[in-house]
Amino acid sequence: MRQKIEILKVLYRNADIIIFDEPTAVLTPNEINEFMNVLKILAIEGYTVILITHKIKEIKSVAQRCTVMSLGRVVGTFDVATTSEVVFTKLMIGKNTFLDMSRKQSINYTNVLEIKNLKVKDERGVLRVKNISFDLREGEIFGIAGVEGSGQEELIDAIIGIRSIFSGDIIKKVDDKFESIKGLTVKQIIDKK
């Protein structure tokens, strides 16, 4: 029920990008299935959804692409349909398995947010996000997978404007052009529609 209320709040604010961080941690299996169906509906309606989780089955059930993070670095961005759960698991917990994966650009989706060479420090000043770049597309469910403490929290805090960016940029599509949202408050980011 709490998840539904939070989704309604976000939709009421006219957000076009919705971020869920470990949203199924306290849900039953039936509630998880229902929640995954809601994510699919949101994507069909044109919302861009970011799902942060360490549960590969959830990523496989709804996402089109998934960026795997380990120790604050992007291991790679993968097509979910062609990447097995075993491969995702090895990438999440493997050591020094960083890959440079090229991917085909989607013809059907337009970018709504671009993350460029982003570096973010944690509250102690330790660099937790190290030179991450990716783009988010309209109507897409984009997964970010990694074990806890791999920089996901700092990444999302920077994207939504509650954590300072050490370097790099976040660029949002606003009225068919792209504008930097680096350094803006949450309200300023939401107001840029």
C-alpha atoms as a PDB file:
ATOM      1  CA  MET A   1       0.000   0.000   0.000  1.00  0.00           C
ATOM      2  CA  ARG A   2       2.824   2.406   0.897  1.00  0.00           C
ATOM      3  CA  GLN A   3       4.409   1.827  -2.536  1.00  0.00           C
ATOM      4  CA  LYS A   4       1.141   2.762  -4.273  1.00  0.00           C
ATOM      5  CA  ILE A   5       0.841   5.966  -2.252  1.00  0.00           C
ATOM      6  CA  GLU A   6       4.426   6.946  -3.099  1.00  0.00           C
ATOM      7  CA  ILE A   7       3.827   6.262  -6.810  1.00  0.00           C
ATOM      8  CA  LEU A   8       0.673   8.388  -6.731  1.00  0.00           C
ATOM      9  CA  LYS A   9       2.602  11.252  -5.075  1.00  0.00           C
ATOM     10  CA  VAL A  10       5.226  11.130  -7.822  1.00  0.00           C
ATOM     11  CA  LEU A  11       2.600  11.033 -10.580  1.00  0.00           C
ATOM     12  CA  TYR A  12       0.743  13.936  -8.956  1.00  0.00           C
ATOM     13  CA  ARG A  13       3.944  16.007  -9.164  1.00  0.00           C
ATOM     14  CA  ASN A  14       4.114  15.329 -12.939  1.00  0.00           C
ATOM     15  CA  ALA A  15       7.481  13.580 -12.713  1.00  0.00           C
ATOM     16  CA  ASP A  16       8.605  11.946 -15.939  1.00  0.00           C
ATOM     17  CA  ILE A  17      11.468   9.982 -14.368  1.00  0.00           C
ATOM     18  CA  ILE A  18      10.676   7.754 -11.381  1.00  0.00           C
ATOM     19  CA  ILE A  19      13.409   6.184  -9.231  1.00  0.00           C
ATOM     20  CA  PHE A  20      12.818   3.152  -7.017  1.00  0.00           C
ATOM     21  CA  ASP A  21      15.613   2.137  -4.628  1.00  0.00           C
ATOM     22  CA  GLU A  22      15.207  -1.456  -3.364  1.00  0.00           C
ATOM     23  CA  PRO A  23      11.403  -1.075  -3.498  1.00  0.00           C
ATOM     24  CA  THR A  24      10.569  -4.738  -2.885  1.00  0.00           C
ATOM     25  CA  ALA A  25      12.657  -5.288   0.241  1.00  0.00           C
ATOM     26  CA  VAL A  26       9.628  -5.694   2.509  1.00  0.00           C
ATOM     27  CA  LEU A  27       7.057  -6.963   0.003  1.00  0.00           C
ATOM     28  CA  THR A  28       5.571 -10.448  -0.229  1.00  0.00           C
ATOM     29  CA  PRO A  29       6.023 -12.429  -3.480  1.00  0.00           C
ATOM     30  CA  ASN A  30       2.479 -11.505  -4.600  1.00  0.00           C
ATOM     31  CA  GLU A  31       3.093  -7.824  -3.825  1.00  0.00           C
ATOM     32  CA  ILE A  32       6.362  -7.989  -5.773  1.00  0.00           C
ATOM     33  CA  ASN A  33       4.544  -9.366  -8.837  1.00  0.00           C
ATOM     34  CA  GLU A  34       1.916  -6.640  -8.538  1.00  0.00           C
ATOM     35  CA  PHE A  35       4.616  -3.969  -8.178  1.00  0.00           C
ATOM     36  CA  MET A  36       6.485  -5.262 -11.260  1.00  0.00           C
ATOM     37  CA  ASN A  37       3.234  -5.032 -13.239  1.00  0.00           C
ATOM     38  CA  VAL A  38       2.836  -1.416 -12.096  1.00  0.00           C
ATOM     39  CA  LEU A  39       6.366  -0.661 -13.360  1.00  0.00           C
ATOM     40  CA  LYS A  40       5.503  -2.161 -16.760  1.00  0.00           C
ATOM     41  CA  ILE A  41       2.364  -0.021 -16.953  1.00  0.00           C
ATOM     42  CA  LEU A  42       4.339   3.116 -16.048  1.00  0.00           C
ATOM     43  CA  ALA A  43       6.801   2.381 -18.868  1.00  0.00           C
ATOM     44  CA  ILE A  44       3.968   1.800 -21.357  1.00  0.00           C
ATOM     45  CA  GLU A  45       2.515   5.169 -20.303  1.00  0.00           C
ATOM     46  CA  GLY A  46       5.831   6.817 -21.238  1.00  0.00           C
ATOM     47  CA  TYR A  47       7.454   7.219 -17.821  1.00  0.00           C
ATOM     48  CA  THR A  48      11.138   6.449 -17.454  1.00  0.00           C
ATOM     49  CA  VAL A  49      11.719   4.157 -14.489  1.00  0.00           C
ATOM     50  CA  ILE A  50      15.015   3.531 -12.692  1.00  0.00           C
ATOM     51  CA  LEU A  51      14.945   0.383 -10.571  1.00  0.00           C
ATOM     52  CA  ILE A  52      17.829  -0.025  -8.130  1.00  0.00           C
ATOM     53  CA  THR A  53      18.063  -3.528  -6.754  1.00  0.00           C
ATOM     54  CA  HIS A  54      20.401  -6.403  -6.078  1.00  0.00           C
ATOM     55  CA  LYS A  55      17.631  -8.848  -7.044  1.00  0.00           C
ATOM     56  CA  ILE A  56      18.505  -9.939 -10.571  1.00  0.00           C
ATOM     57  CA  LYS A  57      15.166 -11.755 -11.055  1.00  0.00           C
ATOM     58  CA  GLU A  58      13.394  -8.407 -10.675  1.00  0.00           C
ATOM     59  CA  ILE A  59      15.659  -6.748 -13.231  1.00  0.00           C
ATOM     60  CA  LYS A  60      15.111  -9.674 -15.627  1.00  0.00           C
ATOM     61  CA  SER A  61      11.333  -9.465 -15.198  1.00  0.00           C
ATOM     62  CA  VAL A  62      10.882  -5.788 -16.134  1.00  0.00           C
ATOM     63  CA  ALA A  63      13.986  -3.964 -17.373  1.00  0.00           C
ATOM     64  CA  GLN A  64      15.198  -3.556 -20.933  1.00  0.00           C
ATOM     65  CA  ARG A  65      18.733  -2.515 -19.971  1.00  0.00           C
ATOM     66  CA  CYS A  66      20.737  -2.803 -16.779  1.00  0.00           C
ATOM     67  CA  THR A  67      23.870  -1.056 -15.600  1.00  0.00           C
ATOM     68  CA  VAL A  68      25.848  -3.176 -13.141  1.00  0.00           C
ATOM     69  CA  MET A  69      27.874  -1.332 -10.502  1.00  0.00           C
ATOM     70  CA  SER A  70      30.679  -2.654  -8.335  1.00  0.00           C
ATOM     71  CA  LEU A  71      32.838  -0.589  -5.984  1.00  0.00           C
ATOM     72  CA  GLY A  72      31.506   2.700  -7.361  1.00  0.00           C
ATOM     73  CA  ARG A  73      32.285   1.857 -10.972  1.00  0.00           C
ATOM     74  CA  VAL A  74      30.130   0.793 -13.858  1.00  0.00           C
ATOM     75  CA  VAL A  75      30.986  -2.759 -14.807  1.00  0.00           C
ATOM     76  CA  GLY A  76      28.858  -2.433 -17.922  1.00  0.00           C
ATOM     77  CA  THR A  77      25.433  -1.714 -19.340  1.00  0.00           C
ATOM     78  CA  PHE A  78      23.737  -4.793 -20.710  1.00  0.00           C
ATOM     79  CA  ASP A  79      20.685  -5.800 -22.687  1.00  0.00           C
ATOM     80  CA  VAL A  80      18.594  -7.675 -20.122  1.00  0.00           C
ATOM     81  CA  ALA A  81      16.989 -10.046 -22.631  1.00  0.00           C
ATOM     82  CA  THR A  82      20.354 -11.401 -23.784  1.00  0.00           C
ATOM     83  CA  THR A  83      22.222 -11.463 -20.450  1.00  0.00           C
ATOM     84  CA  SER A  84      21.714 -14.379 -18.056  1.00  0.00           C
ATOM     85  CA  GLU A  85      21.164 -14.139 -14.310  1.00  0.00           C
ATOM     86  CA  VAL A  86      24.443 -16.013 -13.834  1.00  0.00           C
ATOM     87  CA  VAL A  87      26.362 -13.395 -15.826  1.00  0.00           C
ATOM     88  CA  PHE A  88      24.711 -10.538 -13.906  1.00  0.00           C
ATOM     89  CA  THR A  89      25.549 -12.189 -10.585  1.00  0.00           C
ATOM     90  CA  LYS A  90      29.195 -12.733 -11.554  1.00  0.00           C
ATOM     91  CA  LEU A  91      29.480  -9.119 -12.689  1.00  0.00           C
ATOM     92  CA  MET A  92      27.988  -7.809  -9.430  1.00  0.00           C
ATOM     93  CA  ILE A  93      30.253  -9.765  -7.100  1.00  0.00           C
ATOM     94  CA  GLY A  94      33.274 -10.420  -9.308  1.00  0.00           C
ATOM     95  CA  LYS A  95      36.581  -8.694  -8.770  1.00  0.00           C
ATOM     96  CA  ASN A  96      38.270  -6.585 -11.443  1.00  0.00           C
ATOM     97  CA  THR A  97      35.817  -7.677 -14.112  1.00  0.00           C
ATOM     98  CA  PHE A  98      35.172  -4.218 -15.495  1.00  0.00           C
ATOM     99  CA  LEU A  99      34.003  -4.305 -19.106  1.00  0.00           C
ATOM    100  CA  ASP A 100      33.594  -1.692 -21.778  1.00  0.00           C
ATOM    101  CA  MET A 101      30.371  -2.830 -23.421  1.00  0.00           C
ATOM    102  CA  SER A 102      29.148  -1.031 -26.507  1.00  0.00           C
ATOM    103  CA  ARG A 103      25.441  -1.240 -27.211  1.00  0.00           C
ATOM    104  CA  LYS A 104      23.135  -0.444 -30.077  1.00  0.00           C
ATOM    105  CA  GLN A 105      21.221   2.795 -29.760  1.00  0.00           C
ATOM    106  CA  SER A 106      17.464   2.385 -29.527  1.00  0.00           C
ATOM    107  CA  ILE A 107      15.565   3.799 -32.469  1.00  0.00           C
ATOM    108  CA  ASN A 108      12.229   3.858 -30.652  1.00  0.00           C
ATOM    109  CA  TYR A 109      13.208   5.820 -27.547  1.00  0.00           C
ATOM    110  CA  THR A 110      14.499   9.339 -27.082  1.00  0.00           C
ATOM    111  CA  ASN A 111      16.892  10.219 -24.277  1.00  0.00           C
ATOM    112  CA  VAL A 112      15.348  12.118 -21.368  1.00  0.00           C
ATOM    113  CA  LEU A 113      18.375  12.205 -19.059  1.00  0.00           C
ATOM    114  CA  GLU A 114      22.102  11.871 -19.702  1.00  0.00           C
ATOM    115  CA  ILE A 115      24.714  11.186 -17.033  1.00  0.00           C
ATOM    116  CA  LYS A 116      28.184  12.246 -18.203  1.00  0.00           C
ATOM    117  CA  ASN A 117      31.465  11.300 -16.480  1.00  0.00           C
ATOM    118  CA  LEU A 118      29.830  11.669 -13.068  1.00  0.00           C
ATOM    119  CA  LYS A 119      31.929  11.567  -9.900  1.00  0.00           C
ATOM    120  CA  VAL A 120      30.243  11.804  -6.495  1.00  0.00           C
ATOM    121  CA  LYS A 121      31.675  11.706  -2.973  1.00  0.00           C
ATOM    122  CA  ASP A 122      29.967  10.295   0.103  1.00  0.00           C
ATOM    123  CA  GLU A 123      29.404  12.265   3.318  1.00  0.00           C
ATOM    124  CA  ARG A 124      32.992  11.490   4.450  1.00  0.00           C
ATOM    125  CA  GLY A 125      34.478  12.888   1.244  1.00  0.00           C
ATOM    126  CA  VAL A 126      35.323   9.466  -0.208  1.00  0.00           C
ATOM    127  CA  LEU A 127      34.776   9.187  -3.968  1.00  0.00           C
ATOM    128  CA  ARG A 128      31.939   6.610  -4.278  1.00  0.00           C
ATOM    129  CA  VAL A 129      30.818   7.156  -7.892  1.00  0.00           C
ATOM    130  CA  LYS A 130      33.745   7.114 -10.264  1.00  0.00           C
ATOM    131  CA  ASN A 131      33.325   8.478 -13.782  1.00  0.00           C
ATOM    132  CA  ILE A 132      29.895   6.986 -14.603  1.00  0.00           C
ATOM    133  CA  SER A 133      28.133   7.735 -17.891  1.00  0.00           C
ATOM    134  CA  PHE A 134      24.791   6.447 -19.200  1.00  0.00           C
ATOM    135  CA  ASP A 135      21.535   7.702 -20.654  1.00  0.00           C
ATOM    136  CA  LEU A 136      17.892   7.142 -19.761  1.00  0.00           C
ATOM    137  CA  ARG A 137      15.243   6.816 -22.442  1.00  0.00           C
ATOM    138  CA  GLU A 138      11.588   7.738 -22.479  1.00  0.00           C
ATOM    139  CA  GLY A 139       9.327   4.812 -21.564  1.00  0.00           C
ATOM    140  CA  GLU A 140      12.209   2.657 -20.369  1.00  0.00           C
ATOM    141  CA  ILE A 141      12.769   0.701 -17.186  1.00  0.00           C
ATOM    142  CA  PHE A 142      16.490   1.049 -16.483  1.00  0.00           C
ATOM    143  CA  GLY A 143      18.048  -1.186 -13.856  1.00  0.00           C
ATOM    144  CA  ILE A 144      21.032  -0.372 -11.668  1.00  0.00           C
ATOM    145  CA  ALA A 145      22.339  -3.511 -10.005  1.00  0.00           C
ATOM    146  CA  GLY A 146      25.081  -3.962  -7.451  1.00  0.00           C
ATOM    147  CA  VAL A 147      25.709  -5.121  -3.941  1.00  0.00           C
ATOM    148  CA  GLU A 148      25.000  -2.578  -1.214  1.00  0.00           C
ATOM    149  CA  GLY A 149      27.668   0.093  -0.886  1.00  0.00           C
ATOM    150  CA  SER A 150      28.687   0.113  -4.548  1.00  0.00           C
ATOM    151  CA  GLY A 151      27.778   3.785  -5.005  1.00  0.00           C
ATOM    152  CA  GLN A 152      24.126   3.422  -6.015  1.00  0.00           C
ATOM    153  CA  GLU A 153      22.838   5.616  -3.175  1.00  0.00           C
ATOM    154  CA  GLU A 154      25.306   8.413  -3.940  1.00  0.00           C
ATOM    155  CA  LEU A 155      24.490   8.183  -7.660  1.00  0.00           C
ATOM    156  CA  ILE A 156      20.743   8.543  -7.158  1.00  0.00           C
ATOM    157  CA  ASP A 157      21.177  11.296  -4.544  1.00  0.00           C
ATOM    158  CA  ALA A 158      23.201  13.257  -7.119  1.00  0.00           C
ATOM    159  CA  ILE A 159      20.629  12.685  -9.875  1.00  0.00           C
ATOM    160  CA  ILE A 160      17.755  13.966  -7.737  1.00  0.00           C
ATOM    161  CA  GLY A 161      19.737  16.953  -6.468  1.00  0.00           C
ATOM    162  CA  ILE A 162      20.281  16.115  -2.797  1.00  0.00           C
ATOM    163  CA  ARG A 163      24.019  15.377  -3.055  1.00  0.00           C
ATOM    164  CA  SER A 164      26.713  17.553  -4.628  1.00  0.00           C
ATOM    165  CA  ILE A 165      28.468  16.384  -7.756  1.00  0.00           C
ATOM    166  CA  PHE A 166      32.272  16.345  -7.554  1.00  0.00           C
ATOM    167  CA  SER A 167      32.622  16.430 -11.348  1.00  0.00           C
ATOM    168  CA  GLY A 168      30.734  15.482 -14.486  1.00  0.00           C
ATOM    169  CA  ASP A 169      27.247  16.532 -15.503  1.00  0.00           C
ATOM    170  CA  ILE A 170      23.596  15.518 -15.474  1.00  0.00           C
ATOM    171  CA  ILE A 171      21.642  16.710 -18.478  1.00  0.00           C
ATOM    172  CA  LYS A 172      17.821  16.605 -18.657  1.00  0.00           C
ATOM    173  CA  LYS A 173      15.614  16.989 -21.710  1.00  0.00           C
ATOM    174  CA  VAL A 174      13.490  20.108 -21.283  1.00  0.00           C
ATOM    175  CA  ASP A 175      11.136  21.150 -24.094  1.00  0.00           C
ATOM    176  CA  ASP A 176      13.036  19.191 -26.777  1.00  0.00           C
ATOM    177  CA  LYS A 177      16.439  20.560 -25.760  1.00  0.00           C
ATOM    178  CA  PHE A 178      18.927  19.400 -23.155  1.00  0.00           C
ATOM    179  CA  GLU A 179      19.876  21.460 -20.091  1.00  0.00           C
ATOM    180  CA  SER A 180      22.293  20.745 -17.267  1.00  0.00           C
ATOM    181  CA  ILE A 181      20.621  20.148 -13.895  1.00  0.00           C
ATOM    182  CA  LYS A 182      23.925  19.963 -12.029  1.00  0.00           C
ATOM    183  CA  GLY A 183      23.704  21.903  -8.773  1.00  0.00           C
ATOM    184  CA  LEU A 184      19.935  22.417  -8.887  1.00  0.00           C
ATOM    185  CA  THR A 185      17.664  21.673  -5.937  1.00  0.00           C
ATOM    186  CA  VAL A 186      15.038  18.931  -6.078  1.00  0.00           C
ATOM    187  CA  LYS A 187      12.299  21.528  -6.643  1.00  0.00           C
ATOM    188  CA  GLN A 188      14.245  23.208  -9.447  1.00  0.00           C
ATOM    189  CA  ILE A 189      14.769  19.827 -11.131  1.00  0.00           C
ATOM    190  CA  ILE A 190      11.059  18.975 -10.876  1.00  0.00           C
ATOM    191  CA  ASP A 191      10.083  22.416 -12.202  1.00  0.00           C
ATOM    192  CA  LYS A 192      12.217  21.846 -15.319  1.00  0.00           C
ATOM    193  CA  LYS A 193       9.569  20.046 -17.368  1.00  0.00           C
END
